[in-house]
PDB file of N, CA and C in Angstrom:
ATOM      1  N   MET A   1      27.672 -10.301  25.389  1.00  0.00           N
ATOM      2  CA  MET A   1      27.454 -11.229  25.309  1.00  0.00           C
ATOM      3  C   MET A   1      26.000 -11.523  24.921  1.00  0.00           C
ATOM      4  N   ASN A   2      25.094 -10.718  24.741  1.00  0.00           N
ATOM      5  CA  ASN A   2      23.941 -10.523  24.915  1.00  0.00           C
ATOM      6  C   ASN A   2      23.803  -9.796  22.738  1.00  0.00           C
ATOM      7  N   GLY A   3      24.756  -9.061  22.606  1.00  0.00           N
ATOM      8  CA  GLY A   3      24.466  -8.557  21.137  1.00  0.00           C
ATOM      9  C   GLY A   3      25.152  -9.636  20.451  1.00  0.00           C
ATOM     10  N   PHE A   4      26.066 -10.538  21.184  1.00  0.00           N
ATOM     11  CA  PHE A   4      26.819 -11.933  20.266  1.00  0.00           C
ATOM     12  C   PHE A   4      25.792 -12.901  19.963  1.00  0.00           C
ATOM     13  N   ILE A   5      24.998 -13.155  20.841  1.00  0.00           N
ATOM     14  CA  ILE A   5      23.577 -14.192  20.736  1.00  0.00           C
ATOM     15  C   ILE A   5      23.066 -13.738  19.592  1.00  0.00           C
ATOM     16  N   ILE A   6      22.250 -12.188  19.399  1.00  0.00           N
ATOM     17  CA  ILE A   6      21.310 -11.906  18.725  1.00  0.00           C
ATOM     18  C   ILE A   6      22.072 -11.903  17.365  1.00  0.00           C
ATOM     19  N   ALA A   7      23.379 -11.321  17.060  1.00  0.00           N
ATOM     20  CA  ALA A   7      24.165 -11.735  15.813  1.00  0.00           C
ATOM     21  C   ALA A   7      24.215 -13.146  15.467  1.00  0.00           C
ATOM     22  N   VAL A   8      24.550 -13.937  16.095  1.00  0.00           N
ATOM     23  CA  VAL A   8      24.816 -15.146  15.550  1.00  0.00           C
ATOM     24  C   VAL A   8      23.543 -15.847  14.964  1.00  0.00           C
ATOM     25  N   GLY A   9      22.414 -15.445  15.958  1.00  0.00           N
ATOM     26  CA  GLY A   9      20.783 -16.327  15.674  1.00  0.00           C
ATOM     27  C   GLY A   9      20.322 -15.379  14.690  1.00  0.00           C
ATOM     28  N   SER A  10      20.587 -14.299  14.087  1.00  0.00           N
ATOM     29  CA  SER A  10      20.304 -13.795  13.086  1.00  0.00           C
ATOM     30  C   SER A  10      20.585 -13.718  11.678  1.00  0.00           C
ATOM     31  N   PHE A  11      22.370 -13.954  11.629  1.00  0.00           N
ATOM     32  CA  PHE A  11      22.701 -13.928  10.546  1.00  0.00           C
ATOM     33  C   PHE A  11      23.248 -15.103  10.401  1.00  0.00           C
ATOM     34  N   VAL A  12      23.265 -16.221  11.263  1.00  0.00           N
ATOM     35  CA  VAL A  12      23.992 -17.657  10.999  1.00  0.00           C
ATOM     36  C   VAL A  12      22.383 -18.838  10.976  1.00  0.00           C
ATOM     37  N   PRO A  13      21.736 -18.890   9.959  1.00  0.00           N
ATOM     38  CA  PRO A  13      20.422 -19.396   9.794  1.00  0.00           C
ATOM     39  C   PRO A  13      20.965 -20.656  10.598  1.00  0.00           C
ATOM     40  N   SER A  14      22.043 -21.100  10.148  1.00  0.00           N
ATOM     41  CA  SER A  14      22.279 -22.773  11.292  1.00  0.00           C
ATOM     42  C   SER A  14      22.656 -22.914  12.201  1.00  0.00           C
ATOM     43  N   LEU A  15      22.423 -21.695  13.035  1.00  0.00           N
ATOM     44  CA  LEU A  15      23.051 -21.592  14.558  1.00  0.00           C
ATOM     45  C   LEU A  15      21.440 -20.851  14.967  1.00  0.00           C
ATOM     46  N   THR A  16      20.795 -20.556  14.145  1.00  0.00           N
ATOM     47  CA  THR A  16      19.599 -19.383  15.029  1.00  0.00           C
ATOM     48  C   THR A  16      18.845 -20.394  15.949  1.00  0.00           C
ATOM     49  N   ASP A  17      18.427 -21.325  15.739  1.00  0.00           N
ATOM     50  CA  ASP A  17      18.073 -22.827  16.971  1.00  0.00           C
ATOM     51  C   ASP A  17      19.169 -23.042  18.010  1.00  0.00           C
ATOM     52  N   ASP A  18      20.121 -22.903  17.859  1.00  0.00           N
ATOM     53  CA  ASP A  18      21.361 -23.042  19.160  1.00  0.00           C
ATOM     54  C   ASP A  18      21.203 -21.668  19.533  1.00  0.00           C
ATOM     55  N   ALA A  19      21.390 -20.466  18.945  1.00  0.00           N
ATOM     56  CA  ALA A  19      21.251 -19.513  20.198  1.00  0.00           C
ATOM     57  C   ALA A  19      19.964 -18.916  20.537  1.00  0.00           C
ATOM     58  N   ILE A  20      18.916 -19.466  20.209  1.00  0.00           N
ATOM     59  CA  ILE A  20      17.792 -19.303  21.059  1.00  0.00           C
ATOM     60  C   ILE A  20      17.903 -20.007  22.248  1.00  0.00           C
ATOM     61  N   ASN A  21      18.229 -21.555  22.153  1.00  0.00           N
ATOM     62  CA  ASN A  21      18.205 -22.235  23.275  1.00  0.00           C
ATOM     63  C   ASN A  21      19.688 -21.812  24.334  1.00  0.00           C
ATOM     64  N   VAL A  22      20.532 -21.349  23.911  1.00  0.00           N
ATOM     65  CA  VAL A  22      21.562 -20.660  24.791  1.00  0.00           C
ATOM     66  C   VAL A  22      20.885 -19.345  25.547  1.00  0.00           C
ATOM     67  N   SER A  23      20.296 -18.733  24.898  1.00  0.00           N
ATOM     68  CA  SER A  23      19.680 -17.811  25.369  1.00  0.00           C
ATOM     69  C   SER A  23      18.633 -17.817  26.164  1.00  0.00           C
ATOM     70  N   LYS A  24      17.778 -18.861  26.285  1.00  0.00           N
ATOM     71  CA  LYS A  24      16.813 -19.473  27.482  1.00  0.00           C
ATOM     72  C   LYS A  24      17.622 -19.785  28.594  1.00  0.00           C
ATOM     73  N   LYS A  25      18.623 -20.533  28.064  1.00  0.00           N
ATOM     74  CA  LYS A  25      19.894 -20.843  29.404  1.00  0.00           C
ATOM     75  C   LYS A  25      20.092 -19.982  29.511  1.00  0.00           C
ATOM     76  N   ILE A  26      20.300 -18.534  29.492  1.00  0.00           N
ATOM     77  CA  ILE A  26      21.195 -17.598  30.071  1.00  0.00           C
ATOM     78  C   ILE A  26      20.156 -16.704  31.036  1.00  0.00           C
ATOM     79  N   GLY A  27      18.809 -16.539  30.196  1.00  0.00           N
ATOM     80  CA  GLY A  27      17.692 -15.785  31.052  1.00  0.00           C
ATOM     81  C   GLY A  27      17.687 -14.610  30.608  1.00  0.00           C
ATOM     82  N   ALA A  28      17.264 -13.446  31.367  1.00  0.00           N
ATOM     83  CA  ALA A  28      17.444 -12.277  30.999  1.00  0.00           C
ATOM     84  C   ALA A  28      18.240 -11.352  31.373  1.00  0.00           C
ATOM     85  N   VAL A  29      19.033 -10.844  30.486  1.00  0.00           N
ATOM     86  CA  VAL A  29      20.083 -10.287  30.886  1.00  0.00           C
ATOM     87  C   VAL A  29      19.974  -8.799  31.495  1.00  0.00           C
ATOM     88  N   LYS A  30      20.801  -8.429  32.399  1.00  0.00           N
ATOM     89  CA  LYS A  30      20.661  -7.123  33.422  1.00  0.00           C
ATOM     90  C   LYS A  30      21.797  -6.706  33.037  1.00  0.00           C
ATOM     91  N   VAL A  31      21.843  -5.157  33.374  1.00  0.00           N
ATOM     92  CA  VAL A  31      22.909  -4.310  32.766  1.00  0.00           C
ATOM     93  C   VAL A  31      22.302  -2.776  33.487  1.00  0.00           C
ATOM     94  N   ASN A  32      23.544  -2.647  34.271  1.00  0.00           N
ATOM     95  CA  ASN A  32      23.345  -1.348  34.907  1.00  0.00           C
ATOM     96  C   ASN A  32      24.247   0.040  33.586  1.00  0.00           C
ATOM     97  N   LYS A  33      23.008   0.759  33.645  1.00  0.00           N
ATOM     98  CA  LYS A  33      22.909   1.757  32.731  1.00  0.00           C
ATOM     99  C   LYS A  33      23.348   3.102  33.294  1.00  0.00           C
ATOM    100  N   ASP A  34      23.285   3.310  34.754  1.00  0.00           N
ATOM    101  CA  ASP A  34      23.994   3.891  35.366  1.00  0.00           C
ATOM    102  C   ASP A  34      22.922   5.546  34.668  1.00  0.00           C
ATOM    103  N   GLY A  35      21.907   5.500  34.777  1.00  0.00           N
ATOM    104  CA  GLY A  35      20.583   6.557  34.203  1.00  0.00           C
ATOM    105  C   GLY A  35      20.766   6.820  32.744  1.00  0.00           C
ATOM    106  N   THR A  36      21.213   6.349  31.891  1.00  0.00           N
ATOM    107  CA  THR A  36      21.439   6.424  30.074  1.00  0.00           C
ATOM    108  C   THR A  36      20.245   5.631  29.660  1.00  0.00           C
ATOM    109  N   ALA A  37      20.005   6.238  28.810  1.00  0.00           N
ATOM    110  CA  ALA A  37      18.762   6.011  27.904  1.00  0.00           C
ATOM    111  C   ALA A  37      19.174   4.592  27.137  1.00  0.00           C
ATOM    112  N   CYS A  38      19.481   3.853  27.326  1.00  0.00           N
ATOM    113  CA  CYS A  38      20.382   2.145  26.640  1.00  0.00           C
ATOM    114  C   CYS A  38      19.407   1.763  27.072  1.00  0.00           C
ATOM    115  N   LYS A  39      18.815   0.726  25.917  1.00  0.00           N
ATOM    116  CA  LYS A  39      18.041  -0.374  25.974  1.00  0.00           C
ATOM    117  C   LYS A  39      18.832  -1.754  25.586  1.00  0.00           C
ATOM    118  N   VAL A  40      18.160  -2.804  26.608  1.00  0.00           N
ATOM    119  CA  VAL A  40      18.995  -4.120  26.045  1.00  0.00           C
ATOM    120  C   VAL A  40      17.934  -5.081  25.644  1.00  0.00           C
ATOM    121  N   PRO A  41      17.785  -5.435  24.409  1.00  0.00           N
ATOM    122  CA  PRO A  41      17.009  -6.253  23.585  1.00  0.00           C
ATOM    123  C   PRO A  41      16.886  -7.579  24.288  1.00  0.00           C
ATOM    124  N   ASP A  42      15.820  -8.136  24.586  1.00  0.00           N
ATOM    125  CA  ASP A  42      15.785  -9.516  24.778  1.00  0.00           C
ATOM    126  C   ASP A  42      16.334 -10.111  23.333  1.00  0.00           C
ATOM    127  N   ALA A  43      16.914 -11.296  23.477  1.00  0.00           N
ATOM    128  CA  ALA A  43      17.560 -12.002  22.505  1.00  0.00           C
ATOM    129  C   ALA A  43      16.734 -12.900  21.488  1.00  0.00           C
ATOM    130  N   ILE A  44      15.710 -13.656  22.273  1.00  0.00           N
ATOM    131  CA  ILE A  44      14.993 -14.452  22.357  1.00  0.00           C
ATOM    132  C   ILE A  44      13.482 -13.483  21.174  1.00  0.00           C
ATOM    133  N   VAL A  45      13.238 -12.589  21.589  1.00  0.00           N
ATOM    134  CA  VAL A  45      11.851 -11.987  20.995  1.00  0.00           C
ATOM    135  C   VAL A  45      13.254 -11.312  19.600  1.00  0.00           C
ATOM    136  N   TYR A  46      14.251 -10.459  19.832  1.00  0.00           N
ATOM    137  CA  TYR A  46      14.716 -10.130  18.557  1.00  0.00           C
ATOM    138  C   TYR A  46      15.148 -11.015  17.222  1.00  0.00           C
ATOM    139  N   ILE A  47      15.705 -12.079  17.871  1.00  0.00           N
ATOM    140  CA  ILE A  47      15.531 -13.359  16.390  1.00  0.00           C
ATOM    141  C   ILE A  47      14.524 -13.581  16.470  1.00  0.00           C
ATOM    142  N   LYS A  48      13.409 -13.756  16.841  1.00  0.00           N
ATOM    143  CA  LYS A  48      11.930 -14.129  16.244  1.00  0.00           C
ATOM    144  C   LYS A  48      11.558 -13.281  15.583  1.00  0.00           C
ATOM    145  N   LYS A  49      11.736 -12.113  15.801  1.00  0.00           N
ATOM    146  CA  LYS A  49      11.501 -10.665  14.900  1.00  0.00           C
ATOM    147  C   LYS A  49      12.120 -11.044  13.672  1.00  0.00           C
ATOM    148  N   VAL A  50      13.295 -10.833  13.703  1.00  0.00           N
ATOM    149  CA  VAL A  50      14.159 -11.427  12.549  1.00  0.00           C
ATOM    150  C   VAL A  50      13.388 -12.301  11.446  1.00  0.00           C
ATOM    151  N   LYS A  51      13.425 -13.467  12.087  1.00  0.00           N
ATOM    152  CA  LYS A  51      13.126 -14.815  11.532  1.00  0.00           C
ATOM    153  C   LYS A  51      11.417 -14.406  10.940  1.00  0.00           C
ATOM    154  N   ASP A  52      10.695 -14.257  11.505  1.00  0.00           N
ATOM    155  CA  ASP A  52       9.264 -13.471  11.404  1.00  0.00           C
ATOM    156  C   ASP A  52       9.248 -12.649   9.869  1.00  0.00           C
ATOM    157  N   LYS A  53      10.306 -11.797  10.048  1.00  0.00           N
ATOM    158  CA  LYS A  53      10.722 -10.707   9.030  1.00  0.00           C
ATOM    159  C   LYS A  53      11.092 -11.854   7.670  1.00  0.00           C
ATOM    160  N   GLY A  54      11.745 -12.503   7.641  1.00  0.00           N
ATOM    161  CA  GLY A  54      12.097 -13.373   6.900  1.00  0.00           C
ATOM    162  C   GLY A  54      13.255 -12.774   6.313  1.00  0.00           C
ATOM    163  N   ALA A  55      14.314 -12.555   7.376  1.00  0.00           N
ATOM    164  CA  ALA A  55      15.834 -11.606   7.353  1.00  0.00           C
ATOM    165  C   ALA A  55      16.574 -12.468   7.649  1.00  0.00           C
ATOM    166  N   LEU A  56      16.550 -13.922   7.944  1.00  0.00           N
ATOM    167  CA  LEU A  56      17.602 -13.994   8.434  1.00  0.00           C
ATOM    168  C   LEU A  56      18.572 -14.423   7.525  1.00  0.00           C
ATOM    169  N   GLY A  57      20.099 -14.662   8.021  1.00  0.00           N
ATOM    170  CA  GLY A  57      20.986 -13.960   7.062  1.00  0.00           C
ATOM    171  C   GLY A  57      21.648 -13.541   6.236  1.00  0.00           C
ATOM    172  N   ARG A  58      20.510 -12.483   6.364  1.00  0.00           N
ATOM    173  CA  ARG A  58      20.842 -10.635   5.577  1.00  0.00           C
ATOM    174  C   ARG A  58      21.497 -10.134   7.045  1.00  0.00           C
ATOM    175  N   LYS A  59      22.659  -9.540   6.064  1.00  0.00           N
ATOM    176  CA  LYS A  59      23.020  -8.248   7.180  1.00  0.00           C
ATOM    177  C   LYS A  59      22.508  -7.045   6.351  1.00  0.00           C
ATOM    178  N   LYS A  60      22.998  -6.447   7.457  1.00  0.00           N
ATOM    179  CA  LYS A  60      22.428  -4.984   7.342  1.00  0.00           C
ATOM    180  C   LYS A  60      23.372  -4.640   6.187  1.00  0.00           C
ATOM    181  N   LYS A  61      22.967  -3.342   5.085  1.00  0.00           N
ATOM    182  CA  LYS A  61      23.872  -2.742   4.201  1.00  0.00           C
ATOM    183  C   LYS A  61      24.618  -1.663   4.974  1.00  0.00           C
ATOM    184  N   MET A  62      23.833  -0.696   5.723  1.00  0.00           N
ATOM    185  CA  MET A  62      24.700   0.088   6.270  1.00  0.00           C
ATOM    186  C   MET A  62      24.286   0.357   7.678  1.00  0.00           C
ATOM    187  N   ALA A  63      25.550   1.018   8.242  1.00  0.00           N
ATOM    188  CA  ALA A  63      25.601   0.883   9.923  1.00  0.00           C
ATOM    189  C   ALA A  63      25.206   2.471  10.355  1.00  0.00           C
ATOM    190  N   ARG A  64      24.997   2.527  11.426  1.00  0.00           N
ATOM    191  CA  ARG A  64      24.224   3.755  11.579  1.00  0.00           C
ATOM    192  C   ARG A  64      25.396   4.074  12.969  1.00  0.00           C
ATOM    193  N   CYS A  65      26.091   5.121  12.976  1.00  0.00           N
ATOM    194  CA  CYS A  65      26.848   5.711  14.192  1.00  0.00           C
ATOM    195  C   CYS A  65      26.462   6.461  14.966  1.00  0.00           C
TER     196      CYS A  65
END
């Protein structure tokens, strides 16, 4: 859910403000990581970071697996 909000807010400029508002309504997402080193980014911070970079609407050209 958090990843989808980040993707929509970052890659669909017309929905960026809506994604930020939805993220505010949801609040902090808590994930049971079971001792792994996984990180759960804050959607609002991540979207604003992409916006500040001027990269709204640009998709990454390479996927890292």
